[in-house]
Amino acid sequence: MSAVAVLVADGFETIECLTMVDVLRRGGVRVTLVSIMSTRDAVSSQQIGIACDRTLDEVDFDEYDYLVLPGGLPGTTNLRNDDRVCALVREFATTKHVAAICAAPSILGELGLLVGRKATCFPGFESTFPAGTYAGGKKVVVDGNIITASGMGQALPFALTVLKDIAGARAVEKVREGIQL
């Protein structure tokens, strides 16, 4: 079974981050909340504090198949400005899987990882995408090993899409039944 690392920086979007963790754990996937700061504590853009499972320096990313980038501001900016995060995103986009939502797909665009692909993001951030990449009004886009979503309102479909990619349709159906979706 795949393991997922959700990268967290101060200013993350609460629902985008925690919905992913909740859905994947309900689906039986090992998920680790990883703070990119020196402490495990992080504060969302809505001033909600959380304690992450690990810091970036405490994680062996060889044990993970998926990297998830929640959006939110200034969370996305904080992720993008960390060279360690950029190196991980490049590695996972090349050899494993990356999922990004809201403003966070802009990181993929800025790092040149969306060339020849289709992706979506929160309106306005598509300016970071290469020409022809933006998938228009699509809410969740799967293009090979990269999954993107447009914003907070798509947090549940986004998480279910990642779960399906990892654990299959049966796991998604089990979670959908369990949450009455």
N, C-alpha and C. Protein backbone atom coordinates (compact mmCIF):
# COMPACT_ATOMS: atom_id res chain seq x y z
N MET A 1 0.85 -1.19 0.00
CA MET A 1 0.00 0.00 0.00
C MET A 1 0.88 1.23 0.00
N SER A 2 0.48 2.22 -0.77
CA SER A 2 1.22 3.47 -0.85
C SER A 2 1.17 4.24 0.45
N ALA A 3 2.18 5.06 0.65
CA ALA A 3 2.21 5.99 1.78
C ALA A 3 2.23 7.41 1.23
N VAL A 4 1.58 8.32 1.95
CA VAL A 4 1.40 9.68 1.48
C VAL A 4 1.96 10.66 2.50
N ALA A 5 2.74 11.63 2.02
CA ALA A 5 3.23 12.72 2.85
C ALA A 5 2.50 13.99 2.44
N VAL A 6 1.81 14.60 3.39
CA VAL A 6 1.12 15.87 3.16
C VAL A 6 2.01 16.96 3.75
N LEU A 7 2.54 17.83 2.89
CA LEU A 7 3.45 18.88 3.34
C LEU A 7 2.65 20.07 3.87
N VAL A 8 3.05 20.55 5.05
CA VAL A 8 2.31 21.61 5.72
C VAL A 8 3.25 22.77 6.03
N ALA A 9 2.82 23.97 5.65
CA ALA A 9 3.52 25.20 5.98
C ALA A 9 2.52 26.15 6.61
N ASP A 10 2.99 27.01 7.49
CA ASP A 10 2.09 28.01 8.05
C ASP A 10 1.34 28.72 6.93
N GLY A 11 0.03 28.92 7.13
CA GLY A 11 -0.80 29.56 6.14
C GLY A 11 -1.48 28.59 5.18
N PHE A 12 -1.45 27.27 5.51
CA PHE A 12 -2.11 26.28 4.67
C PHE A 12 -3.62 26.43 4.76
N GLU A 13 -4.33 25.92 3.76
CA GLU A 13 -5.80 25.92 3.76
C GLU A 13 -6.27 24.71 4.55
N THR A 14 -6.96 24.94 5.65
CA THR A 14 -7.33 23.90 6.60
C THR A 14 -8.07 22.74 5.94
N ILE A 15 -9.13 23.04 5.22
CA ILE A 15 -9.97 21.98 4.65
C ILE A 15 -9.21 21.18 3.59
N GLU A 16 -8.43 21.86 2.78
CA GLU A 16 -7.68 21.15 1.73
C GLU A 16 -6.67 20.17 2.33
N CYS A 17 -6.08 20.54 3.42
CA CYS A 17 -5.08 19.69 4.07
C CYS A 17 -5.74 18.54 4.84
N LEU A 18 -6.64 18.87 5.72
CA LEU A 18 -7.18 17.87 6.64
C LEU A 18 -8.20 16.94 6.00
N THR A 19 -8.90 17.41 4.96
CA THR A 19 -9.81 16.51 4.25
C THR A 19 -9.03 15.38 3.60
N MET A 20 -7.89 15.70 3.01
CA MET A 20 -7.04 14.68 2.39
C MET A 20 -6.61 13.65 3.42
N VAL A 21 -6.13 14.11 4.57
CA VAL A 21 -5.67 13.19 5.61
C VAL A 21 -6.83 12.31 6.09
N ASP A 22 -7.97 12.92 6.35
CA ASP A 22 -9.14 12.19 6.84
C ASP A 22 -9.59 11.11 5.86
N VAL A 23 -9.78 11.48 4.60
CA VAL A 23 -10.27 10.54 3.59
C VAL A 23 -9.28 9.40 3.38
N LEU A 24 -8.01 9.71 3.25
CA LEU A 24 -7.03 8.65 3.01
C LEU A 24 -6.91 7.71 4.20
N ARG A 25 -6.94 8.23 5.40
CA ARG A 25 -6.87 7.36 6.58
C ARG A 25 -8.12 6.49 6.68
N ARG A 26 -9.28 7.03 6.37
CA ARG A 26 -10.51 6.22 6.35
C ARG A 26 -10.39 5.10 5.31
N GLY A 27 -9.66 5.39 4.24
CA GLY A 27 -9.46 4.41 3.17
C GLY A 27 -8.32 3.44 3.43
N GLY A 28 -7.71 3.52 4.61
CA GLY A 28 -6.66 2.58 4.98
C GLY A 28 -5.27 2.93 4.48
N VAL A 29 -5.07 4.17 4.02
CA VAL A 29 -3.78 4.59 3.50
C VAL A 29 -2.96 5.23 4.63
N ARG A 30 -1.68 4.94 4.66
CA ARG A 30 -0.79 5.55 5.65
C ARG A 30 -0.48 6.97 5.19
N VAL A 31 -0.84 7.94 6.03
CA VAL A 31 -0.66 9.35 5.72
C VAL A 31 0.12 10.01 6.85
N THR A 32 1.09 10.83 6.49
CA THR A 32 1.87 11.57 7.48
C THR A 32 1.76 13.05 7.18
N LEU A 33 1.34 13.81 8.18
CA LEU A 33 1.36 15.27 8.09
C LEU A 33 2.79 15.71 8.39
N VAL A 34 3.42 16.40 7.43
CA VAL A 34 4.83 16.76 7.55
C VAL A 34 4.96 18.28 7.56
N SER A 35 5.40 18.82 8.69
CA SER A 35 5.66 20.25 8.80
C SER A 35 6.98 20.57 8.13
N ILE A 36 6.99 21.62 7.32
CA ILE A 36 8.25 22.03 6.70
C ILE A 36 9.02 22.98 7.60
N MET A 37 8.42 23.37 8.72
CA MET A 37 9.08 24.27 9.64
C MET A 37 9.95 23.47 10.62
N SER A 38 10.61 24.16 11.52
CA SER A 38 11.49 23.49 12.48
C SER A 38 10.70 22.82 13.60
N THR A 39 9.43 23.13 13.71
CA THR A 39 8.56 22.55 14.72
C THR A 39 7.44 21.76 14.05
N ARG A 40 6.84 20.84 14.77
CA ARG A 40 5.71 20.08 14.23
C ARG A 40 4.41 20.91 14.22
N ASP A 41 4.40 22.02 14.89
CA ASP A 41 3.20 22.85 14.96
C ASP A 41 3.08 23.73 13.73
N ALA A 42 1.85 23.88 13.25
CA ALA A 42 1.57 24.73 12.10
C ALA A 42 0.25 25.44 12.34
N VAL A 43 0.09 26.59 11.71
CA VAL A 43 -1.12 27.38 11.85
C VAL A 43 -1.68 27.64 10.45
N SER A 44 -2.96 27.35 10.27
CA SER A 44 -3.60 27.52 8.96
C SER A 44 -3.85 28.99 8.66
N SER A 45 -4.27 29.26 7.44
CA SER A 45 -4.60 30.63 7.05
C SER A 45 -5.83 31.13 7.80
N GLN A 46 -6.58 30.22 8.40
CA GLN A 46 -7.74 30.59 9.22
C GLN A 46 -7.39 30.62 10.71
N GLN A 47 -6.08 30.58 11.01
CA GLN A 47 -5.55 30.64 12.38
C GLN A 47 -5.96 29.43 13.22
N ILE A 48 -6.04 28.26 12.57
CA ILE A 48 -6.30 27.00 13.26
C ILE A 48 -4.98 26.27 13.41
N GLY A 49 -4.61 25.98 14.64
CA GLY A 49 -3.35 25.31 14.90
C GLY A 49 -3.48 23.81 14.84
N ILE A 50 -2.47 23.15 14.28
CA ILE A 50 -2.43 21.69 14.26
C ILE A 50 -1.04 21.22 14.66
N ALA A 51 -0.96 20.00 15.12
CA ALA A 51 0.33 19.37 15.39
C ALA A 51 0.54 18.31 14.31
N CYS A 52 1.58 18.49 13.51
CA CYS A 52 1.90 17.52 12.47
C CYS A 52 2.56 16.28 13.08
N ASP A 53 2.59 15.22 12.30
CA ASP A 53 3.18 13.96 12.76
C ASP A 53 4.70 14.03 12.82
N ARG A 54 5.30 14.76 11.88
CA ARG A 54 6.76 14.83 11.76
C ARG A 54 7.15 16.20 11.17
N THR A 55 8.42 16.51 11.29
CA THR A 55 8.97 17.64 10.54
C THR A 55 9.65 17.07 9.30
N LEU A 56 9.93 17.92 8.36
CA LEU A 56 10.57 17.51 7.11
C LEU A 56 11.87 16.76 7.38
N ASP A 57 12.63 17.24 8.34
CA ASP A 57 13.92 16.62 8.65
C ASP A 57 13.80 15.25 9.30
N GLU A 58 12.62 14.89 9.78
CA GLU A 58 12.40 13.60 10.45
C GLU A 58 11.87 12.52 9.52
N VAL A 59 11.68 12.84 8.24
CA VAL A 59 11.02 11.91 7.32
C VAL A 59 12.00 11.35 6.31
N ASP A 60 11.90 10.04 6.09
CA ASP A 60 12.64 9.38 5.00
C ASP A 60 11.66 9.27 3.83
N PHE A 61 11.80 10.15 2.85
CA PHE A 61 10.84 10.20 1.75
C PHE A 61 10.95 9.01 0.80
N ASP A 62 11.96 8.17 0.96
CA ASP A 62 12.04 6.93 0.19
C ASP A 62 10.89 6.00 0.56
N GLU A 63 10.28 6.20 1.73
CA GLU A 63 9.17 5.37 2.21
C GLU A 63 7.82 5.83 1.67
N TYR A 64 7.80 6.91 0.90
CA TYR A 64 6.55 7.49 0.43
C TYR A 64 6.44 7.44 -1.08
N ASP A 65 5.20 7.28 -1.55
CA ASP A 65 4.90 7.22 -2.97
C ASP A 65 4.20 8.49 -3.47
N TYR A 66 3.58 9.20 -2.55
CA TYR A 66 2.78 10.36 -2.89
C TYR A 66 3.18 11.56 -2.06
N LEU A 67 3.19 12.72 -2.70
CA LEU A 67 3.41 14.00 -2.03
C LEU A 67 2.17 14.84 -2.30
N VAL A 68 1.58 15.39 -1.23
CA VAL A 68 0.39 16.23 -1.38
C VAL A 68 0.74 17.65 -0.94
N LEU A 69 0.34 18.61 -1.77
CA LEU A 69 0.57 20.03 -1.50
C LEU A 69 -0.77 20.72 -1.32
N PRO A 70 -1.17 21.03 -0.07
CA PRO A 70 -2.39 21.80 0.13
C PRO A 70 -2.15 23.24 -0.31
N GLY A 71 -3.21 23.91 -0.68
CA GLY A 71 -3.10 25.31 -1.06
C GLY A 71 -3.23 26.23 0.13
N GLY A 72 -3.74 27.40 -0.13
CA GLY A 72 -3.86 28.42 0.90
C GLY A 72 -2.70 29.41 0.80
N LEU A 73 -2.97 30.60 1.30
CA LEU A 73 -1.93 31.63 1.33
C LEU A 73 -1.80 32.17 2.74
N PRO A 74 -0.60 32.31 3.21
CA PRO A 74 0.66 32.21 2.48
C PRO A 74 1.27 30.81 2.47
N GLY A 75 0.48 29.77 2.78
CA GLY A 75 1.02 28.41 2.81
C GLY A 75 1.71 27.99 1.53
N THR A 76 1.05 28.26 0.39
CA THR A 76 1.65 27.89 -0.90
C THR A 76 2.97 28.63 -1.11
N THR A 77 2.99 29.90 -0.79
CA THR A 77 4.21 30.69 -0.92
C THR A 77 5.31 30.12 -0.03
N ASN A 78 4.95 29.74 1.18
CA ASN A 78 5.93 29.17 2.11
C ASN A 78 6.48 27.85 1.59
N LEU A 79 5.62 27.02 1.00
CA LEU A 79 6.10 25.76 0.40
C LEU A 79 7.05 26.07 -0.76
N ARG A 80 6.64 26.97 -1.63
CA ARG A 80 7.43 27.29 -2.83
C ARG A 80 8.79 27.89 -2.49
N ASN A 81 8.86 28.63 -1.40
CA ASN A 81 10.10 29.30 -1.03
C ASN A 81 11.09 28.40 -0.29
N ASP A 82 10.72 27.15 -0.06
CA ASP A 82 11.60 26.20 0.63
C ASP A 82 12.29 25.31 -0.41
N ASP A 83 13.60 25.43 -0.53
CA ASP A 83 14.35 24.66 -1.53
C ASP A 83 14.21 23.15 -1.32
N ARG A 84 14.07 22.72 -0.08
CA ARG A 84 13.90 21.28 0.20
C ARG A 84 12.58 20.79 -0.39
N VAL A 85 11.54 21.58 -0.24
CA VAL A 85 10.22 21.24 -0.78
C VAL A 85 10.30 21.17 -2.30
N CYS A 86 10.92 22.16 -2.92
CA CYS A 86 11.03 22.18 -4.38
C CYS A 86 11.77 20.95 -4.90
N ALA A 87 12.83 20.55 -4.21
CA ALA A 87 13.58 19.35 -4.61
C ALA A 87 12.69 18.11 -4.49
N LEU A 88 11.92 18.01 -3.43
CA LEU A 88 11.01 16.87 -3.25
C LEU A 88 9.93 16.86 -4.34
N VAL A 89 9.36 18.01 -4.63
CA VAL A 89 8.31 18.10 -5.65
C VAL A 89 8.87 17.65 -6.99
N ARG A 90 10.06 18.11 -7.34
CA ARG A 90 10.69 17.69 -8.60
C ARG A 90 10.88 16.17 -8.63
N GLU A 91 11.41 15.62 -7.55
CA GLU A 91 11.65 14.17 -7.48
C GLU A 91 10.35 13.38 -7.61
N PHE A 92 9.34 13.75 -6.83
CA PHE A 92 8.09 13.00 -6.84
C PHE A 92 7.36 13.14 -8.18
N ALA A 93 7.41 14.32 -8.80
CA ALA A 93 6.76 14.53 -10.10
C ALA A 93 7.45 13.72 -11.19
N THR A 94 8.72 13.44 -11.00
CA THR A 94 9.49 12.70 -12.00
C THR A 94 9.40 11.19 -11.79
N THR A 95 9.39 10.75 -10.54
CA THR A 95 9.50 9.31 -10.26
C THR A 95 8.34 8.69 -9.49
N LYS A 96 7.49 9.53 -8.89
CA LYS A 96 6.41 9.01 -8.03
C LYS A 96 5.10 9.72 -8.37
N HIS A 97 4.43 10.30 -7.37
CA HIS A 97 3.15 10.97 -7.57
C HIS A 97 3.10 12.27 -6.78
N VAL A 98 2.44 13.29 -7.37
CA VAL A 98 2.20 14.56 -6.70
C VAL A 98 0.74 14.93 -6.87
N ALA A 99 0.13 15.42 -5.79
CA ALA A 99 -1.22 15.95 -5.83
C ALA A 99 -1.19 17.35 -5.22
N ALA A 100 -1.79 18.32 -5.91
CA ALA A 100 -1.77 19.71 -5.45
C ALA A 100 -3.13 20.35 -5.69
N ILE A 101 -3.54 21.21 -4.77
CA ILE A 101 -4.87 21.82 -4.84
C ILE A 101 -4.78 23.33 -4.64
N CYS A 102 -5.72 24.04 -5.25
CA CYS A 102 -5.93 25.47 -5.07
C CYS A 102 -4.76 26.27 -5.65
N ALA A 103 -4.01 26.97 -4.83
CA ALA A 103 -2.85 27.73 -5.31
C ALA A 103 -1.63 26.84 -5.50
N ALA A 104 -1.58 25.69 -4.83
CA ALA A 104 -0.38 24.84 -4.84
C ALA A 104 0.01 24.30 -6.22
N PRO A 105 -0.91 24.06 -7.16
CA PRO A 105 -0.45 23.65 -8.49
C PRO A 105 0.48 24.68 -9.15
N SER A 106 0.42 25.92 -8.68
CA SER A 106 1.33 26.94 -9.22
C SER A 106 2.79 26.57 -8.97
N ILE A 107 3.04 25.85 -7.91
CA ILE A 107 4.40 25.39 -7.61
C ILE A 107 4.88 24.48 -8.74
N LEU A 108 4.01 23.57 -9.17
CA LEU A 108 4.35 22.67 -10.28
C LEU A 108 4.61 23.45 -11.55
N GLY A 109 3.78 24.47 -11.80
CA GLY A 109 3.97 25.31 -12.98
C GLY A 109 5.29 26.07 -12.93
N GLU A 110 5.57 26.68 -11.79
CA GLU A 110 6.80 27.47 -11.66
C GLU A 110 8.05 26.60 -11.75
N LEU A 111 7.94 25.34 -11.34
CA LEU A 111 9.10 24.44 -11.41
C LEU A 111 9.23 23.76 -12.78
N GLY A 112 8.33 24.08 -13.70
CA GLY A 112 8.41 23.53 -15.05
C GLY A 112 7.96 22.08 -15.15
N LEU A 113 7.14 21.64 -14.21
CA LEU A 113 6.73 20.23 -14.16
C LEU A 113 5.42 19.94 -14.87
N LEU A 114 4.80 20.97 -15.44
CA LEU A 114 3.52 20.77 -16.12
C LEU A 114 3.63 20.82 -17.64
N VAL A 115 4.82 20.92 -18.17
CA VAL A 115 5.02 20.96 -19.62
C VAL A 115 4.44 19.69 -20.23
N GLY A 116 3.55 19.86 -21.23
CA GLY A 116 2.95 18.72 -21.90
C GLY A 116 1.83 18.06 -21.12
N ARG A 117 1.36 18.68 -20.07
CA ARG A 117 0.30 18.10 -19.22
C ARG A 117 -0.91 19.01 -19.19
N LYS A 118 -1.96 18.51 -18.55
CA LYS A 118 -3.14 19.30 -18.23
C LYS A 118 -3.24 19.37 -16.71
N ALA A 119 -3.66 20.54 -16.21
CA ALA A 119 -3.78 20.74 -14.77
C ALA A 119 -4.80 21.84 -14.51
N THR A 120 -5.23 21.94 -13.27
CA THR A 120 -6.13 23.01 -12.86
C THR A 120 -5.60 23.62 -11.57
N CYS A 121 -6.23 24.73 -11.17
CA CYS A 121 -5.81 25.44 -9.97
C CYS A 121 -6.88 26.48 -9.62
N PHE A 122 -6.66 27.19 -8.54
CA PHE A 122 -7.56 28.29 -8.20
C PHE A 122 -7.42 29.37 -9.27
N PRO A 123 -8.54 29.94 -9.72
CA PRO A 123 -8.48 30.94 -10.79
C PRO A 123 -7.49 32.06 -10.47
N GLY A 124 -6.67 32.36 -11.45
CA GLY A 124 -5.64 33.38 -11.32
C GLY A 124 -4.25 32.79 -11.24
N PHE A 125 -4.13 31.58 -10.70
CA PHE A 125 -2.82 30.95 -10.57
C PHE A 125 -2.39 30.21 -11.84
N GLU A 126 -3.30 30.10 -12.81
CA GLU A 126 -2.95 29.43 -14.06
C GLU A 126 -1.91 30.22 -14.85
N SER A 127 -1.67 31.46 -14.47
CA SER A 127 -0.64 32.26 -15.15
C SER A 127 0.76 31.66 -14.94
N THR A 128 0.90 30.77 -13.96
CA THR A 128 2.19 30.10 -13.72
C THR A 128 2.35 28.85 -14.58
N PHE A 129 1.28 28.46 -15.27
CA PHE A 129 1.29 27.23 -16.08
C PHE A 129 1.85 27.53 -17.47
N PRO A 130 2.50 26.53 -18.08
CA PRO A 130 2.90 26.69 -19.48
C PRO A 130 1.67 26.82 -20.37
N ALA A 131 1.81 27.47 -21.50
CA ALA A 131 0.71 27.64 -22.45
C ALA A 131 0.10 26.29 -22.80
N GLY A 132 -1.23 26.22 -22.82
CA GLY A 132 -1.94 25.01 -23.19
C GLY A 132 -2.12 24.00 -22.08
N THR A 133 -1.61 24.31 -20.91
CA THR A 133 -1.68 23.37 -19.77
C THR A 133 -2.99 23.48 -19.00
N TYR A 134 -3.48 24.69 -18.82
CA TYR A 134 -4.65 24.92 -17.97
C TYR A 134 -5.88 24.22 -18.55
N ALA A 135 -6.52 23.41 -17.71
CA ALA A 135 -7.66 22.59 -18.14
C ALA A 135 -8.99 23.32 -18.01
N GLY A 136 -8.97 24.63 -17.99
CA GLY A 136 -10.20 25.40 -17.95
C GLY A 136 -10.96 25.23 -16.66
N GLY A 137 -12.25 25.05 -16.77
CA GLY A 137 -13.11 24.96 -15.60
C GLY A 137 -13.15 23.62 -14.90
N LYS A 138 -12.31 22.69 -15.30
CA LYS A 138 -12.32 21.39 -14.64
C LYS A 138 -11.91 21.54 -13.18
N LYS A 139 -12.59 20.80 -12.31
CA LYS A 139 -12.37 20.94 -10.87
C LYS A 139 -11.25 20.04 -10.35
N VAL A 140 -11.16 18.83 -10.88
CA VAL A 140 -10.09 17.89 -10.52
C VAL A 140 -9.55 17.31 -11.82
N VAL A 141 -8.24 17.32 -11.98
CA VAL A 141 -7.61 16.84 -13.20
C VAL A 141 -6.54 15.81 -12.85
N VAL A 142 -6.63 14.67 -13.52
CA VAL A 142 -5.61 13.63 -13.38
C VAL A 142 -4.85 13.57 -14.69
N ASP A 143 -3.55 13.76 -14.64
CA ASP A 143 -2.71 13.63 -15.82
C ASP A 143 -1.49 12.80 -15.42
N GLY A 144 -1.59 11.51 -15.69
CA GLY A 144 -0.52 10.60 -15.31
C GLY A 144 -0.34 10.56 -13.81
N ASN A 145 0.84 10.89 -13.34
CA ASN A 145 1.16 10.81 -11.92
C ASN A 145 0.94 12.12 -11.17
N ILE A 146 0.27 13.07 -11.82
CA ILE A 146 -0.02 14.36 -11.18
C ILE A 146 -1.53 14.59 -11.14
N ILE A 147 -2.03 14.91 -9.94
CA ILE A 147 -3.44 15.22 -9.74
C ILE A 147 -3.53 16.64 -9.21
N THR A 148 -4.38 17.45 -9.83
CA THR A 148 -4.57 18.82 -9.37
C THR A 148 -6.06 19.10 -9.17
N ALA A 149 -6.35 20.06 -8.31
CA ALA A 149 -7.74 20.45 -8.05
C ALA A 149 -7.81 21.97 -7.90
N SER A 150 -9.01 22.51 -8.15
CA SER A 150 -9.17 23.96 -8.26
C SER A 150 -9.27 24.72 -6.95
N GLY A 151 -9.79 24.12 -5.90
CA GLY A 151 -9.92 24.90 -4.67
C GLY A 151 -10.60 24.15 -3.56
N MET A 152 -10.80 24.85 -2.46
CA MET A 152 -11.32 24.27 -1.23
C MET A 152 -12.62 23.48 -1.44
N GLY A 153 -13.50 23.98 -2.28
CA GLY A 153 -14.76 23.30 -2.53
C GLY A 153 -14.58 21.93 -3.18
N GLN A 154 -13.40 21.68 -3.72
CA GLN A 154 -13.10 20.40 -4.36
C GLN A 154 -12.25 19.49 -3.47
N ALA A 155 -12.08 19.84 -2.21
CA ALA A 155 -11.21 19.07 -1.32
C ALA A 155 -11.65 17.61 -1.20
N LEU A 156 -12.95 17.37 -1.09
CA LEU A 156 -13.44 15.99 -0.96
C LEU A 156 -13.29 15.21 -2.28
N PRO A 157 -13.74 15.73 -3.42
CA PRO A 157 -13.51 15.00 -4.68
C PRO A 157 -12.01 14.79 -4.96
N PHE A 158 -11.19 15.76 -4.63
CA PHE A 158 -9.74 15.67 -4.80
C PHE A 158 -9.18 14.51 -3.96
N ALA A 159 -9.56 14.47 -2.70
CA ALA A 159 -9.08 13.40 -1.80
C ALA A 159 -9.57 12.03 -2.28
N LEU A 160 -10.80 11.95 -2.72
CA LEU A 160 -11.33 10.67 -3.21
C LEU A 160 -10.62 10.24 -4.50
N THR A 161 -10.24 11.20 -5.32
CA THR A 161 -9.49 10.88 -6.55
C THR A 161 -8.12 10.31 -6.21
N VAL A 162 -7.45 10.90 -5.24
CA VAL A 162 -6.15 10.39 -4.80
C VAL A 162 -6.33 8.99 -4.20
N LEU A 163 -7.36 8.82 -3.37
CA LEU A 163 -7.63 7.50 -2.78
C LEU A 163 -7.87 6.46 -3.86
N LYS A 164 -8.64 6.81 -4.87
CA LYS A 164 -8.90 5.86 -5.96
C LYS A 164 -7.61 5.47 -6.66
N ASP A 165 -6.74 6.44 -6.89
CA ASP A 165 -5.48 6.16 -7.56
C ASP A 165 -4.61 5.21 -6.72
N ILE A 166 -4.67 5.36 -5.42
CA ILE A 166 -3.84 4.55 -4.53
C ILE A 166 -4.46 3.19 -4.22
N ALA A 167 -5.73 3.21 -3.84
CA ALA A 167 -6.35 2.00 -3.28
C ALA A 167 -7.49 1.42 -4.11
N GLY A 168 -7.91 2.11 -5.17
CA GLY A 168 -8.94 1.58 -6.05
C GLY A 168 -10.35 2.02 -5.72
N ALA A 169 -11.26 1.68 -6.63
CA ALA A 169 -12.66 2.10 -6.53
C ALA A 169 -13.36 1.52 -5.31
N ARG A 170 -12.98 0.32 -4.93
CA ARG A 170 -13.65 -0.29 -3.76
C ARG A 170 -13.37 0.51 -2.48
N ALA A 171 -12.15 0.97 -2.29
CA ALA A 171 -11.82 1.79 -1.13
C ALA A 171 -12.60 3.11 -1.15
N VAL A 172 -12.73 3.69 -2.33
CA VAL A 172 -13.49 4.94 -2.47
C VAL A 172 -14.95 4.70 -2.10
N GLU A 173 -15.52 3.61 -2.59
CA GLU A 173 -16.92 3.31 -2.28
C GLU A 173 -17.12 3.10 -0.79
N LYS A 174 -16.20 2.43 -0.15
CA LYS A 174 -16.29 2.20 1.30
C LYS A 174 -16.27 3.54 2.05
N VAL A 175 -15.38 4.43 1.66
CA VAL A 175 -15.32 5.74 2.31
C VAL A 175 -16.59 6.53 2.01
N ARG A 176 -17.05 6.52 0.76
CA ARG A 176 -18.28 7.24 0.40
C ARG A 176 -19.46 6.76 1.22
N GLU A 177 -19.58 5.46 1.40
CA GLU A 177 -20.66 4.92 2.23
C GLU A 177 -20.51 5.36 3.69
N GLY A 178 -19.28 5.32 4.18
CA GLY A 178 -19.03 5.67 5.58
C GLY A 178 -19.31 7.12 5.93
N ILE A 179 -19.19 8.00 4.94
CA ILE A 179 -19.44 9.41 5.19
C ILE A 179 -20.78 9.86 4.61
N GLN A 180 -21.57 8.91 4.11
CA GLN A 180 -22.89 9.18 3.55
C GLN A 180 -22.85 10.12 2.36
N LEU A 181 -21.90 9.88 1.47
CA LEU A 181 -21.76 10.70 0.26
C LEU A 181 -22.46 10.03 -0.89
